[in-house]
Amino acid sequence: VDGTPPADARPNVLDEHAFAPGEDDPTAVLELEPTGRWVAEYVPVESVEELGEGRLQVRLRVSSEDWLVRLALRLGSSGRVLEPVRLVSRVADAARAGLVGYDADRAYDEQTGRADDPPADTQ
């Protein structure tokens, strides 16, 4: 196999379908550890600030808050959302909800989206 594509292969032009943030999209700020720097390379960012020791602070426009929550969960300890505050809270709530399955003593409330500690008498 010489690596030549089939004659009927068509190039995939990503620019036509790639995400392009809008001017009206809200801005978010993330702090990235060295293992999370890939975000600045793969996601359109408005600014990148070197924080030292390989860490970055990036500012980006977000058309979907749900997407940013998923990105933050994927980053784990490699990054964190600093702004806006409402997204910091959403990420924290989503992380707690994800951990509920690993802690039998905590209950997840689907209405509030929060994990609650058990009553004191069951601890």
PDB file of N, CA and C in Angstrom:
ATOM      1  N   VAL A   1       0.855  -1.170   0.000  1.00  0.00           N
ATOM      2  CA  VAL A   1       0.000   0.000   0.000  1.00  0.00           C
ATOM      3  C   VAL A   1       0.898   1.229   0.000  1.00  0.00           C
ATOM      4  N   ASP A   2       0.702   2.099  -0.995  1.00  0.00           N
ATOM      5  CA  ASP A   2       1.562   3.274  -1.119  1.00  0.00           C
ATOM      6  C   ASP A   2       0.964   4.536  -0.507  1.00  0.00           C
ATOM      7  N   GLY A   3      -0.224   4.482   0.057  1.00  0.00           N
ATOM      8  CA  GLY A   3      -0.823   5.640   0.701  1.00  0.00           C
ATOM      9  C   GLY A   3      -1.595   6.539  -0.241  1.00  0.00           C
ATOM     10  N   THR A   4      -1.705   6.155  -1.510  1.00  0.00           N
ATOM     11  CA  THR A   4      -2.451   6.958  -2.480  1.00  0.00           C
ATOM     12  C   THR A   4      -3.942   6.746  -2.257  1.00  0.00           C
ATOM     13  N   PRO A   5      -4.720   7.841  -2.135  1.00  0.00           N
ATOM     14  CA  PRO A   5      -6.159   7.683  -1.921  1.00  0.00           C
ATOM     15  C   PRO A   5      -6.838   7.126  -3.175  1.00  0.00           C
ATOM     16  N   PRO A   6      -8.000   6.506  -3.008  1.00  0.00           N
ATOM     17  CA  PRO A   6      -8.729   6.001  -4.170  1.00  0.00           C
ATOM     18  C   PRO A   6      -9.062   7.134  -5.139  1.00  0.00           C
ATOM     19  N   ALA A   7      -9.241   6.806  -6.401  1.00  0.00           N
ATOM     20  CA  ALA A   7      -9.494   7.817  -7.432  1.00  0.00           C
ATOM     21  C   ALA A   7     -10.757   8.625  -7.159  1.00  0.00           C
ATOM     22  N   ASP A   8     -11.768   8.033  -6.509  1.00  0.00           N
ATOM     23  CA  ASP A   8     -13.029   8.745  -6.271  1.00  0.00           C
ATOM     24  C   ASP A   8     -13.053   9.469  -4.915  1.00  0.00           C
ATOM     25  N   ALA A   9     -11.940   9.474  -4.212  1.00  0.00           N
ATOM     26  CA  ALA A   9     -11.877  10.152  -2.903  1.00  0.00           C
ATOM     27  C   ALA A   9     -11.951  11.662  -3.098  1.00  0.00           C
ATOM     28  N   ARG A  10     -12.688  12.317  -2.201  1.00  0.00           N
ATOM     29  CA  ARG A  10     -12.791  13.781  -2.244  1.00  0.00           C
ATOM     30  C   ARG A  10     -12.167  14.342  -0.974  1.00  0.00           C
ATOM     31  N   PRO A  11     -11.480  15.483  -1.081  1.00  0.00           N
ATOM     32  CA  PRO A  11     -10.872  16.068   0.124  1.00  0.00           C
ATOM     33  C   PRO A  11     -11.959  16.572   1.079  1.00  0.00           C
ATOM     34  N   ASN A  12     -11.682  16.461   2.347  1.00  0.00           N
ATOM     35  CA  ASN A  12     -12.596  16.958   3.371  1.00  0.00           C
ATOM     36  C   ASN A  12     -12.098  18.341   3.788  1.00  0.00           C
ATOM     37  N   VAL A  13     -12.812  19.367   3.385  1.00  0.00           N
ATOM     38  CA  VAL A  13     -12.430  20.742   3.701  1.00  0.00           C
ATOM     39  C   VAL A  13     -13.107  21.115   5.011  1.00  0.00           C
ATOM     40  N   LEU A  14     -12.333  21.149   6.080  1.00  0.00           N
ATOM     41  CA  LEU A  14     -12.900  21.405   7.402  1.00  0.00           C
ATOM     42  C   LEU A  14     -13.315  22.847   7.594  1.00  0.00           C
ATOM     43  N   ASP A  15     -12.713  23.775   6.879  1.00  0.00           N
ATOM     44  CA  ASP A  15     -13.049  25.183   7.060  1.00  0.00           C
ATOM     45  C   ASP A  15     -14.523  25.478   6.815  1.00  0.00           C
ATOM     46  N   GLU A  16     -15.156  24.721   5.935  1.00  0.00           N
ATOM     47  CA  GLU A  16     -16.555  24.958   5.611  1.00  0.00           C
ATOM     48  C   GLU A  16     -17.488  24.575   6.762  1.00  0.00           C
ATOM     49  N   HIS A  17     -17.063  23.629   7.601  1.00  0.00           N
ATOM     50  CA  HIS A  17     -17.945  23.107   8.639  1.00  0.00           C
ATOM     51  C   HIS A  17     -17.410  23.319  10.054  1.00  0.00           C
ATOM     52  N   ALA A  18     -16.202  23.832  10.166  1.00  0.00           N
ATOM     53  CA  ALA A  18     -15.600  24.018  11.485  1.00  0.00           C
ATOM     54  C   ALA A  18     -16.336  25.124  12.250  1.00  0.00           C
ATOM     55  N   PHE A  19     -16.265  25.054  13.562  1.00  0.00           N
ATOM     56  CA  PHE A  19     -16.916  26.051  14.408  1.00  0.00           C
ATOM     57  C   PHE A  19     -16.243  27.400  14.253  1.00  0.00           C
ATOM     58  N   ALA A  20     -17.045  28.401  14.060  1.00  0.00           N
ATOM     59  CA  ALA A  20     -16.550  29.776  14.024  1.00  0.00           C
ATOM     60  C   ALA A  20     -17.391  30.575  15.015  1.00  0.00           C
ATOM     61  N   PRO A  21     -16.789  31.039  16.108  1.00  0.00           N
ATOM     62  CA  PRO A  21     -17.566  31.767  17.116  1.00  0.00           C
ATOM     63  C   PRO A  21     -18.130  33.070  16.563  1.00  0.00           C
ATOM     64  N   GLY A  22     -19.296  33.444  17.086  1.00  0.00           N
ATOM     65  CA  GLY A  22     -19.919  34.693  16.686  1.00  0.00           C
ATOM     66  C   GLY A  22     -19.580  35.806  17.658  1.00  0.00           C
ATOM     67  N   GLU A  23     -19.664  37.028  17.186  1.00  0.00           N
ATOM     68  CA  GLU A  23     -19.354  38.180  18.036  1.00  0.00           C
ATOM     69  C   GLU A  23     -20.302  38.309  19.211  1.00  0.00           C
ATOM     70  N   ASP A  24     -21.503  37.770  19.075  1.00  0.00           N
ATOM     71  CA  ASP A  24     -22.495  37.862  20.150  1.00  0.00           C
ATOM     72  C   ASP A  24     -22.401  36.706  21.139  1.00  0.00           C
ATOM     73  N   ASP A  25     -21.572  35.711  20.843  1.00  0.00           N
ATOM     74  CA  ASP A  25     -21.419  34.580  21.758  1.00  0.00           C
ATOM     75  C   ASP A  25     -20.741  35.056  23.046  1.00  0.00           C
ATOM     76  N   PRO A  26     -21.193  34.538  24.205  1.00  0.00           N
ATOM     77  CA  PRO A  26     -20.566  34.958  25.465  1.00  0.00           C
ATOM     78  C   PRO A  26     -19.113  34.486  25.551  1.00  0.00           C
ATOM     79  N   THR A  27     -18.349  35.178  26.357  1.00  0.00           N
ATOM     80  CA  THR A  27     -16.933  34.873  26.546  1.00  0.00           C
ATOM     81  C   THR A  27     -16.737  34.048  27.812  1.00  0.00           C
ATOM     82  N   ALA A  28     -15.812  33.100  27.738  1.00  0.00           N
ATOM     83  CA  ALA A  28     -15.427  32.310  28.903  1.00  0.00           C
ATOM     84  C   ALA A  28     -13.913  32.377  29.048  1.00  0.00           C
ATOM     85  N   VAL A  29     -13.448  32.227  30.282  1.00  0.00           N
ATOM     86  CA  VAL A  29     -12.016  32.220  30.567  1.00  0.00           C
ATOM     87  C   VAL A  29     -11.686  30.900  31.247  1.00  0.00           C
ATOM     88  N   LEU A  30     -10.671  30.225  30.732  1.00  0.00           N
ATOM     89  CA  LEU A  30     -10.214  28.965  31.302  1.00  0.00           C
ATOM     90  C   LEU A  30      -8.753  29.086  31.699  1.00  0.00           C
ATOM     91  N   GLU A  31      -8.395  28.394  32.767  1.00  0.00           N
ATOM     92  CA  GLU A  31      -6.993  28.238  33.138  1.00  0.00           C
ATOM     93  C   GLU A  31      -6.622  26.805  32.826  1.00  0.00           C
ATOM     94  N   LEU A  32      -5.543  26.640  32.073  1.00  0.00           N
ATOM     95  CA  LEU A  32      -5.135  25.317  31.605  1.00  0.00           C
ATOM     96  C   LEU A  32      -3.782  24.923  32.169  1.00  0.00           C
ATOM     97  N   GLU A  33      -3.701  23.728  32.674  1.00  0.00           N
ATOM     98  CA  GLU A  33      -2.426  23.147  33.098  1.00  0.00           C
ATOM     99  C   GLU A  33      -1.670  22.713  31.843  1.00  0.00           C
ATOM    100  N   PRO A  34      -0.392  22.370  31.956  1.00  0.00           N
ATOM    101  CA  PRO A  34       0.361  21.950  30.768  1.00  0.00           C
ATOM    102  C   PRO A  34      -0.324  20.819  29.992  1.00  0.00           C
ATOM    103  N   THR A  35      -0.976  19.899  30.683  1.00  0.00           N
ATOM    104  CA  THR A  35      -1.647  18.788  30.013  1.00  0.00           C
ATOM    105  C   THR A  35      -2.953  19.203  29.338  1.00  0.00           C
ATOM    106  N   GLY A  36      -3.398  20.439  29.576  1.00  0.00           N
ATOM    107  CA  GLY A  36      -4.621  20.938  28.944  1.00  0.00           C
ATOM    108  C   GLY A  36      -4.360  21.989  27.875  1.00  0.00           C
ATOM    109  N   ARG A  37      -3.083  22.236  27.567  1.00  0.00           N
ATOM    110  CA  ARG A  37      -2.733  23.263  26.575  1.00  0.00           C
ATOM    111  C   ARG A  37      -3.307  22.967  25.195  1.00  0.00           C
ATOM    112  N   TRP A  38      -3.626  21.710  24.933  1.00  0.00           N
ATOM    113  CA  TRP A  38      -4.164  21.329  23.625  1.00  0.00           C
ATOM    114  C   TRP A  38      -5.423  22.131  23.283  1.00  0.00           C
ATOM    115  N   VAL A  39      -6.158  22.582  24.305  1.00  0.00           N
ATOM    116  CA  VAL A  39      -7.379  23.344  24.051  1.00  0.00           C
ATOM    117  C   VAL A  39      -7.058  24.590  23.228  1.00  0.00           C
ATOM    118  N   ALA A  40      -5.963  25.273  23.552  1.00  0.00           N
ATOM    119  CA  ALA A  40      -5.583  26.495  22.846  1.00  0.00           C
ATOM    120  C   ALA A  40      -5.196  26.216  21.398  1.00  0.00           C
ATOM    121  N   GLU A  41      -4.868  24.972  21.087  1.00  0.00           N
ATOM    122  CA  GLU A  41      -4.478  24.606  19.725  1.00  0.00           C
ATOM    123  C   GLU A  41      -5.653  24.109  18.892  1.00  0.00           C
ATOM    124  N   TYR A  42      -6.675  23.555  19.542  1.00  0.00           N
ATOM    125  CA  TYR A  42      -7.774  22.922  18.816  1.00  0.00           C
ATOM    126  C   TYR A  42      -9.081  23.698  18.853  1.00  0.00           C
ATOM    127  N   VAL A  43      -9.180  24.678  19.719  1.00  0.00           N
ATOM    128  CA  VAL A  43     -10.408  25.462  19.868  1.00  0.00           C
ATOM    129  C   VAL A  43     -10.093  26.912  19.519  1.00  0.00           C
ATOM    130  N   PRO A  44     -10.953  27.560  18.740  1.00  0.00           N
ATOM    131  CA  PRO A  44     -10.689  28.985  18.443  1.00  0.00           C
ATOM    132  C   PRO A  44     -10.710  29.815  19.729  1.00  0.00           C
ATOM    133  N   VAL A  45      -9.600  30.472  20.036  1.00  0.00           N
ATOM    134  CA  VAL A  45      -9.506  31.301  21.237  1.00  0.00           C
ATOM    135  C   VAL A  45      -9.258  32.749  20.839  1.00  0.00           C
ATOM    136  N   GLU A  46      -9.730  33.671  21.666  1.00  0.00           N
ATOM    137  CA  GLU A  46      -9.520  35.094  21.402  1.00  0.00           C
ATOM    138  C   GLU A  46      -8.185  35.580  21.935  1.00  0.00           C
ATOM    139  N   SER A  47      -7.760  34.989  23.056  1.00  0.00           N
ATOM    140  CA  SER A  47      -6.473  35.387  23.612  1.00  0.00           C
ATOM    141  C   SER A  47      -5.878  34.229  24.407  1.00  0.00           C
ATOM    142  N   VAL A  48      -4.557  34.249  24.486  1.00  0.00           N
ATOM    143  CA  VAL A  48      -3.799  33.251  25.249  1.00  0.00           C
ATOM    144  C   VAL A  48      -2.772  34.001  26.069  1.00  0.00           C
ATOM    145  N   GLU A  49      -2.746  33.717  27.367  1.00  0.00           N
ATOM    146  CA  GLU A  49      -1.764  34.346  28.255  1.00  0.00           C
ATOM    147  C   GLU A  49      -0.965  33.248  28.940  1.00  0.00           C
ATOM    148  N   GLU A  50       0.349  33.322  28.819  1.00  0.00           N
ATOM    149  CA  GLU A  50       1.233  32.383  29.512  1.00  0.00           C
ATOM    150  C   GLU A  50       1.236  32.735  30.994  1.00  0.00           C
ATOM    151  N   LEU A  51       0.999  31.754  31.846  1.00  0.00           N
ATOM    152  CA  LEU A  51       0.972  31.985  33.294  1.00  0.00           C
ATOM    153  C   LEU A  51       2.233  31.478  33.988  1.00  0.00           C
ATOM    154  N   GLY A  52       3.107  30.845  33.251  1.00  0.00           N
ATOM    155  CA  GLY A  52       4.315  30.278  33.847  1.00  0.00           C
ATOM    156  C   GLY A  52       4.137  28.800  34.126  1.00  0.00           C
ATOM    157  N   GLU A  53       5.245  28.095  34.195  1.00  0.00           N
ATOM    158  CA  GLU A  53       5.249  26.666  34.475  1.00  0.00           C
ATOM    159  C   GLU A  53       4.378  25.876  33.500  1.00  0.00           C
ATOM    160  N   GLY A  54       4.251  26.390  32.260  1.00  0.00           N
ATOM    161  CA  GLY A  54       3.500  25.687  31.228  1.00  0.00           C
ATOM    162  C   GLY A  54       1.997  25.906  31.258  1.00  0.00           C
ATOM    163  N   ARG A  55       1.526  26.714  32.214  1.00  0.00           N
ATOM    164  CA  ARG A  55       0.091  26.965  32.335  1.00  0.00           C
ATOM    165  C   ARG A  55      -0.333  28.112  31.432  1.00  0.00           C
ATOM    166  N   LEU A  56      -1.598  28.071  30.994  1.00  0.00           N
ATOM    167  CA  LEU A  56      -2.154  29.114  30.139  1.00  0.00           C
ATOM    168  C   LEU A  56      -3.478  29.610  30.697  1.00  0.00           C
ATOM    169  N   GLN A  57      -3.799  30.845  30.363  1.00  0.00           N
ATOM    170  CA  GLN A  57      -5.156  31.354  30.559  1.00  0.00           C
ATOM    171  C   GLN A  57      -5.663  31.709  29.175  1.00  0.00           C
ATOM    172  N   VAL A  58      -6.810  31.146  28.798  1.00  0.00           N
ATOM    173  CA  VAL A  58      -7.369  31.411  27.475  1.00  0.00           C
ATOM    174  C   VAL A  58      -8.750  32.037  27.606  1.00  0.00           C
ATOM    175  N   ARG A  59      -9.052  32.906  26.670  1.00  0.00           N
ATOM    176  CA  ARG A  59     -10.372  33.534  26.571  1.00  0.00           C
ATOM    177  C   ARG A  59     -10.957  33.071  25.245  1.00  0.00           C
ATOM    178  N   LEU A  60     -12.183  32.555  25.299  1.00  0.00           N
ATOM    179  CA  LEU A  60     -12.829  32.075  24.096  1.00  0.00           C
ATOM    180  C   LEU A  60     -14.312  32.399  24.113  1.00  0.00           C
ATOM    181  N   ARG A  61     -14.897  32.434  22.939  1.00  0.00           N
ATOM    182  CA  ARG A  61     -16.336  32.647  22.803  1.00  0.00           C
ATOM    183  C   ARG A  61     -17.009  31.279  22.799  1.00  0.00           C
ATOM    184  N   VAL A  62     -18.172  31.221  23.450  1.00  0.00           N
ATOM    185  CA  VAL A  62     -18.863  29.950  23.647  1.00  0.00           C
ATOM    186  C   VAL A  62     -20.289  30.072  23.139  1.00  0.00           C
ATOM    187  N   SER A  63     -20.610  29.317  22.088  1.00  0.00           N
ATOM    188  CA  SER A  63     -21.975  29.370  21.558  1.00  0.00           C
ATOM    189  C   SER A  63     -22.885  28.409  22.311  1.00  0.00           C
ATOM    190  N   SER A  64     -22.301  27.454  23.027  1.00  0.00           N
ATOM    191  CA  SER A  64     -23.083  26.481  23.792  1.00  0.00           C
ATOM    192  C   SER A  64     -22.449  26.294  25.171  1.00  0.00           C
ATOM    193  N   GLU A  65     -23.192  26.684  26.194  1.00  0.00           N
ATOM    194  CA  GLU A  65     -22.684  26.479  27.560  1.00  0.00           C
ATOM    195  C   GLU A  65     -22.544  24.998  27.863  1.00  0.00           C
ATOM    196  N   ASP A  66     -23.444  24.174  27.322  1.00  0.00           N
ATOM    197  CA  ASP A  66     -23.347  22.724  27.530  1.00  0.00           C
ATOM    198  C   ASP A  66     -22.023  22.193  26.989  1.00  0.00           C
ATOM    199  N   TRP A  67     -21.584  22.707  25.833  1.00  0.00           N
ATOM    200  CA  TRP A  67     -20.311  22.281  25.253  1.00  0.00           C
ATOM    201  C   TRP A  67     -19.165  22.628  26.194  1.00  0.00           C
ATOM    202  N   LEU A  68     -19.193  23.833  26.766  1.00  0.00           N
ATOM    203  CA  LEU A  68     -18.116  24.245  27.665  1.00  0.00           C
ATOM    204  C   LEU A  68     -18.097  23.385  28.924  1.00  0.00           C
ATOM    205  N   VAL A  69     -19.259  23.029  29.442  1.00  0.00           N
ATOM    206  CA  VAL A  69     -19.320  22.150  30.617  1.00  0.00           C
ATOM    207  C   VAL A  69     -18.690  20.806  30.263  1.00  0.00           C
ATOM    208  N   ARG A  70     -19.033  20.252  29.109  1.00  0.00           N
ATOM    209  CA  ARG A  70     -18.441  18.964  28.697  1.00  0.00           C
ATOM    210  C   ARG A  70     -16.928  19.082  28.525  1.00  0.00           C
ATOM    211  N   LEU A  71     -16.460  20.198  27.938  1.00  0.00           N
ATOM    212  CA  LEU A  71     -15.019  20.409  27.780  1.00  0.00           C
ATOM    213  C   LEU A  71     -14.338  20.453  29.143  1.00  0.00           C
ATOM    214  N   ALA A  72     -14.913  21.179  30.081  1.00  0.00           N
ATOM    215  CA  ALA A  72     -14.321  21.290  31.418  1.00  0.00           C
ATOM    216  C   ALA A  72     -14.271  19.926  32.104  1.00  0.00           C
ATOM    217  N   LEU A  73     -15.330  19.140  31.962  1.00  0.00           N
ATOM    218  CA  LEU A  73     -15.325  17.799  32.563  1.00  0.00           C
ATOM    219  C   LEU A  73     -14.272  16.922  31.904  1.00  0.00           C
ATOM    220  N   ARG A  74     -14.126  17.056  30.594  1.00  0.00           N
ATOM    221  CA  ARG A  74     -13.107  16.285  29.882  1.00  0.00           C
ATOM    222  C   ARG A  74     -11.703  16.670  30.346  1.00  0.00           C
ATOM    223  N   LEU A  75     -11.491  17.948  30.599  1.00  0.00           N
ATOM    224  CA  LEU A  75     -10.183  18.409  31.054  1.00  0.00           C
ATOM    225  C   LEU A  75      -9.835  17.885  32.439  1.00  0.00           C
ATOM    226  N   GLY A  76     -10.839  17.695  33.283  1.00  0.00           N
ATOM    227  CA  GLY A  76     -10.567  17.248  34.647  1.00  0.00           C
ATOM    228  C   GLY A  76      -9.627  18.207  35.348  1.00  0.00           C
ATOM    229  N   SER A  77      -8.565  17.680  35.941  1.00  0.00           N
ATOM    230  CA  SER A  77      -7.618  18.525  36.667  1.00  0.00           C
ATOM    231  C   SER A  77      -6.654  19.263  35.737  1.00  0.00           C
ATOM    232  N   SER A  78      -6.806  19.085  34.422  1.00  0.00           N
ATOM    233  CA  SER A  78      -5.944  19.775  33.457  1.00  0.00           C
ATOM    234  C   SER A  78      -6.435  21.176  33.127  1.00  0.00           C
ATOM    235  N   GLY A  79      -7.599  21.560  33.662  1.00  0.00           N
ATOM    236  CA  GLY A  79      -8.102  22.899  33.391  1.00  0.00           C
ATOM    237  C   GLY A  79      -9.299  23.211  34.257  1.00  0.00           C
ATOM    238  N   ARG A  80      -9.618  24.500  34.311  1.00  0.00           N
ATOM    239  CA  ARG A  80     -10.803  24.907  35.060  1.00  0.00           C
ATOM    240  C   ARG A  80     -11.362  26.190  34.471  1.00  0.00           C
ATOM    241  N   VAL A  81     -12.668  26.339  34.588  1.00  0.00           N
ATOM    242  CA  VAL A  81     -13.348  27.532  34.120  1.00  0.00           C
ATOM    243  C   VAL A  81     -13.230  28.595  35.206  1.00  0.00           C
ATOM    244  N   LEU A  82     -12.796  29.794  34.831  1.00  0.00           N
ATOM    245  CA  LEU A  82     -12.688  30.909  35.771  1.00  0.00           C
ATOM    246  C   LEU A  82     -13.860  31.875  35.633  1.00  0.00           C
ATOM    247  N   GLU A  83     -14.347  32.070  34.430  1.00  0.00           N
ATOM    248  CA  GLU A  83     -15.441  32.993  34.139  1.00  0.00           C
ATOM    249  C   GLU A  83     -16.262  32.420  32.997  1.00  0.00           C
ATOM    250  N   PRO A  84     -17.533  32.733  32.952  1.00  0.00           N
ATOM    251  CA  PRO A  84     -18.359  33.463  33.906  1.00  0.00           C
ATOM    252  C   PRO A  84     -18.732  32.579  35.095  1.00  0.00           C
ATOM    253  N   VAL A  85     -19.116  33.215  36.188  1.00  0.00           N
ATOM    254  CA  VAL A  85     -19.399  32.514  37.442  1.00  0.00           C
ATOM    255  C   VAL A  85     -20.490  31.460  37.260  1.00  0.00           C
ATOM    256  N   ARG A  86     -21.519  31.766  36.464  1.00  0.00           N
ATOM    257  CA  ARG A  86     -22.611  30.789  36.299  1.00  0.00           C
ATOM    258  C   ARG A  86     -22.097  29.491  35.679  1.00  0.00           C
ATOM    259  N   LEU A  87     -21.075  29.582  34.812  1.00  0.00           N
ATOM    260  CA  LEU A  87     -20.522  28.361  34.224  1.00  0.00           C
ATOM    261  C   LEU A  87     -19.610  27.631  35.198  1.00  0.00           C
ATOM    262  N   VAL A  88     -18.937  28.372  36.050  1.00  0.00           N
ATOM    263  CA  VAL A  88     -18.133  27.739  37.100  1.00  0.00           C
ATOM    264  C   VAL A  88     -19.055  26.863  37.947  1.00  0.00           C
ATOM    265  N   SER A  89     -20.210  27.405  38.315  1.00  0.00           N
ATOM    266  CA  SER A  89     -21.183  26.662  39.122  1.00  0.00           C
ATOM    267  C   SER A  89     -21.734  25.464  38.365  1.00  0.00           C
ATOM    268  N   ARG A  90     -22.039  25.637  37.071  1.00  0.00           N
ATOM    269  CA  ARG A  90     -22.571  24.519  36.277  1.00  0.00           C
ATOM    270  C   ARG A  90     -21.562  23.390  36.170  1.00  0.00           C
ATOM    271  N   VAL A  91     -20.296  23.722  35.976  1.00  0.00           N
ATOM    272  CA  VAL A  91     -19.256  22.691  35.878  1.00  0.00           C
ATOM    273  C   VAL A  91     -19.135  21.957  37.212  1.00  0.00           C
ATOM    274  N   ALA A  92     -19.123  22.700  38.310  1.00  0.00           N
ATOM    275  CA  ALA A  92     -19.014  22.077  39.637  1.00  0.00           C
ATOM    276  C   ALA A  92     -20.202  21.146  39.893  1.00  0.00           C
ATOM    277  N   ASP A  93     -21.411  21.592  39.554  1.00  0.00           N
ATOM    278  CA  ASP A  93     -22.599  20.754  39.748  1.00  0.00           C
ATOM    279  C   ASP A  93     -22.525  19.496  38.890  1.00  0.00           C
ATOM    280  N   ALA A  94     -22.085  19.630  37.638  1.00  0.00           N
ATOM    281  CA  ALA A  94     -21.980  18.473  36.747  1.00  0.00           C
ATOM    282  C   ALA A  94     -20.923  17.487  37.248  1.00  0.00           C
ATOM    283  N   ALA A  95     -19.821  18.004  37.767  1.00  0.00           N
ATOM    284  CA  ALA A  95     -18.772  17.124  38.307  1.00  0.00           C
ATOM    285  C   ALA A  95     -19.285  16.362  39.526  1.00  0.00           C
ATOM    286  N   ARG A  96     -19.986  17.070  40.413  1.00  0.00           N
ATOM    287  CA  ARG A  96     -20.560  16.389  41.585  1.00  0.00           C
ATOM    288  C   ARG A  96     -21.569  15.329  41.166  1.00  0.00           C
ATOM    289  N   ALA A  97     -22.410  15.653  40.206  1.00  0.00           N
ATOM    290  CA  ALA A  97     -23.419  14.692  39.741  1.00  0.00           C
ATOM    291  C   ALA A  97     -22.748  13.460  39.143  1.00  0.00           C
ATOM    292  N   GLY A  98     -21.637  13.660  38.446  1.00  0.00           N
ATOM    293  CA  GLY A  98     -20.923  12.530  37.870  1.00  0.00           C
ATOM    294  C   GLY A  98     -20.283  11.632  38.905  1.00  0.00           C
ATOM    295  N   LEU A  99     -19.946  12.192  40.050  1.00  0.00           N
ATOM    296  CA  LEU A  99     -19.307  11.401  41.108  1.00  0.00           C
ATOM    297  C   LEU A  99     -20.299  10.623  41.954  1.00  0.00           C
ATOM    298  N   VAL A 100     -21.569  10.974  41.881  1.00  0.00           N
ATOM    299  CA  VAL A 100     -22.568  10.325  42.724  1.00  0.00           C
ATOM    300  C   VAL A 100     -22.560   8.810  42.547  1.00  0.00           C
ATOM    301  N   GLY A 101     -22.391   8.348  41.333  1.00  0.00           N
ATOM    302  CA  GLY A 101     -22.381   6.916  41.076  1.00  0.00           C
ATOM    303  C   GLY A 101     -21.230   6.187  41.744  1.00  0.00           C
ATOM    304  N   TYR A 102     -20.247   6.934  42.207  1.00  0.00           N
ATOM    305  CA  TYR A 102     -19.082   6.331  42.843  1.00  0.00           C
ATOM    306  C   TYR A 102     -19.117   6.466  44.360  1.00  0.00           C
ATOM    307  N   ASP A 103     -20.178   7.048  44.892  1.00  0.00           N
ATOM    308  CA  ASP A 103     -20.312   7.253  46.327  1.00  0.00           C
ATOM    309  C   ASP A 103     -21.725   6.848  46.738  1.00  0.00           C
ATOM    310  N   ALA A 104     -21.857   5.660  47.282  1.00  0.00           N
ATOM    311  CA  ALA A 104     -23.175   5.114  47.622  1.00  0.00           C
ATOM    312  C   ALA A 104     -23.870   5.889  48.730  1.00  0.00           C
ATOM    313  N   ASP A 105     -23.134   6.707  49.499  1.00  0.00           N
ATOM    314  CA  ASP A 105     -23.739   7.440  50.607  1.00  0.00           C
ATOM    315  C   ASP A 105     -24.351   8.776  50.184  1.00  0.00           C
ATOM    316  N   ARG A 106     -24.214   9.147  48.916  1.00  0.00           N
ATOM    317  CA  ARG A 106     -24.756  10.425  48.456  1.00  0.00           C
ATOM    318  C   ARG A 106     -25.937  10.164  47.525  1.00  0.00           C
ATOM    319  N   ALA A 107     -26.886  11.041  47.534  1.00  0.00           N
ATOM    320  CA  ALA A 107     -28.064  10.919  46.689  1.00  0.00           C
ATOM    321  C   ALA A 107     -28.082  12.055  45.672  1.00  0.00           C
ATOM    322  N   TYR A 108     -28.432  11.731  44.441  1.00  0.00           N
ATOM    323  CA  TYR A 108     -28.511  12.735  43.389  1.00  0.00           C
ATOM    324  C   TYR A 108     -29.965  13.140  43.212  1.00  0.00           C
ATOM    325  N   ASP A 109     -30.215  14.438  43.272  1.00  0.00           N
ATOM    326  CA  ASP A 109     -31.555  14.990  43.098  1.00  0.00           C
ATOM    327  C   ASP A 109     -31.673  15.463  41.655  1.00  0.00           C
ATOM    328  N   GLU A 110     -32.475  14.769  40.837  1.00  0.00           N
ATOM    329  CA  GLU A 110     -32.593  15.109  39.419  1.00  0.00           C
ATOM    330  C   GLU A 110     -33.244  16.469  39.204  1.00  0.00           C
ATOM    331  N   GLN A 111     -34.111  16.892  40.101  1.00  0.00           N
ATOM    332  CA  GLN A 111     -34.767  18.192  39.933  1.00  0.00           C
ATOM    333  C   GLN A 111     -33.790  19.350  40.112  1.00  0.00           C
ATOM    334  N   THR A 112     -32.932  19.258  41.104  1.00  0.00           N
ATOM    335  CA  THR A 112     -31.987  20.353  41.355  1.00  0.00           C
ATOM    336  C   THR A 112     -30.667  20.142  40.642  1.00  0.00           C
ATOM    337  N   GLY A 113     -30.368  18.888  40.228  1.00  0.00           N
ATOM    338  CA  GLY A 113     -29.089  18.593  39.603  1.00  0.00           C
ATOM    339  C   GLY A 113     -27.952  18.602  40.593  1.00  0.00           C
ATOM    340  N   ARG A 114     -28.268  18.389  41.862  1.00  0.00           N
ATOM    341  CA  ARG A 114     -27.232  18.433  42.907  1.00  0.00           C
ATOM    342  C   ARG A 114     -27.163  17.105  43.657  1.00  0.00           C
ATOM    343  N   ALA A 115     -25.961  16.819  44.128  1.00  0.00           N
ATOM    344  CA  ALA A 115     -25.750  15.659  44.983  1.00  0.00           C
ATOM    345  C   ALA A 115     -25.818  16.141  46.431  1.00  0.00           C
ATOM    346  N   ASP A 116     -26.657  15.519  47.211  1.00  0.00           N
ATOM    347  CA  ASP A 116     -26.830  15.930  48.605  1.00  0.00           C
ATOM    348  C   ASP A 116     -26.219  14.916  49.542  1.00  0.00           C
ATOM    349  N   ASP A 117     -25.659  15.423  50.647  1.00  0.00           N
ATOM    350  CA  ASP A 117     -25.123  14.543  51.669  1.00  0.00           C
ATOM    351  C   ASP A 117     -26.269  13.815  52.355  1.00  0.00           C
ATOM    352  N   PRO A 118     -26.033  12.593  52.813  1.00  0.00           N
ATOM    353  CA  PRO A 118     -27.084  11.857  53.509  1.00  0.00           C
ATOM    354  C   PRO A 118     -27.360  12.491  54.876  1.00  0.00           C
ATOM    355  N   PRO A 119     -28.512  12.196  55.464  1.00  0.00           N
ATOM    356  CA  PRO A 119     -28.783  12.715  56.805  1.00  0.00           C
ATOM    357  C   PRO A 119     -27.690  12.271  57.766  1.00  0.00           C
ATOM    358  N   ALA A 120     -27.449  13.062  58.794  1.00  0.00           N
ATOM    359  CA  ALA A 120     -26.358  12.809  59.749  1.00  0.00           C
ATOM    360  C   ALA A 120     -26.446  11.432  60.399  1.00  0.00           C
ATOM    361  N   ASP A 121     -27.661  10.906  60.619  1.00  0.00           N
ATOM    362  CA  ASP A 121     -27.799   9.631  61.315  1.00  0.00           C
ATOM    363  C   ASP A 121     -27.377   8.430  60.464  1.00  0.00           C
ATOM    364  N   THR A 122     -27.138   8.601  59.160  1.00  0.00           N
ATOM    365  CA  THR A 122     -26.730   7.473  58.315  1.00  0.00           C
ATOM    366  C   THR A 122     -25.241   7.469  58.042  1.00  0.00           C
ATOM    367  N   GLN A 123     -24.517   8.439  58.568  1.00  0.00           N
ATOM    368  CA  GLN A 123     -23.072   8.510  58.300  1.00  0.00           C
ATOM    369  C   GLN A 123     -22.297   7.741  59.322  1.00  0.00           C
TER     370      GLN A 123
END
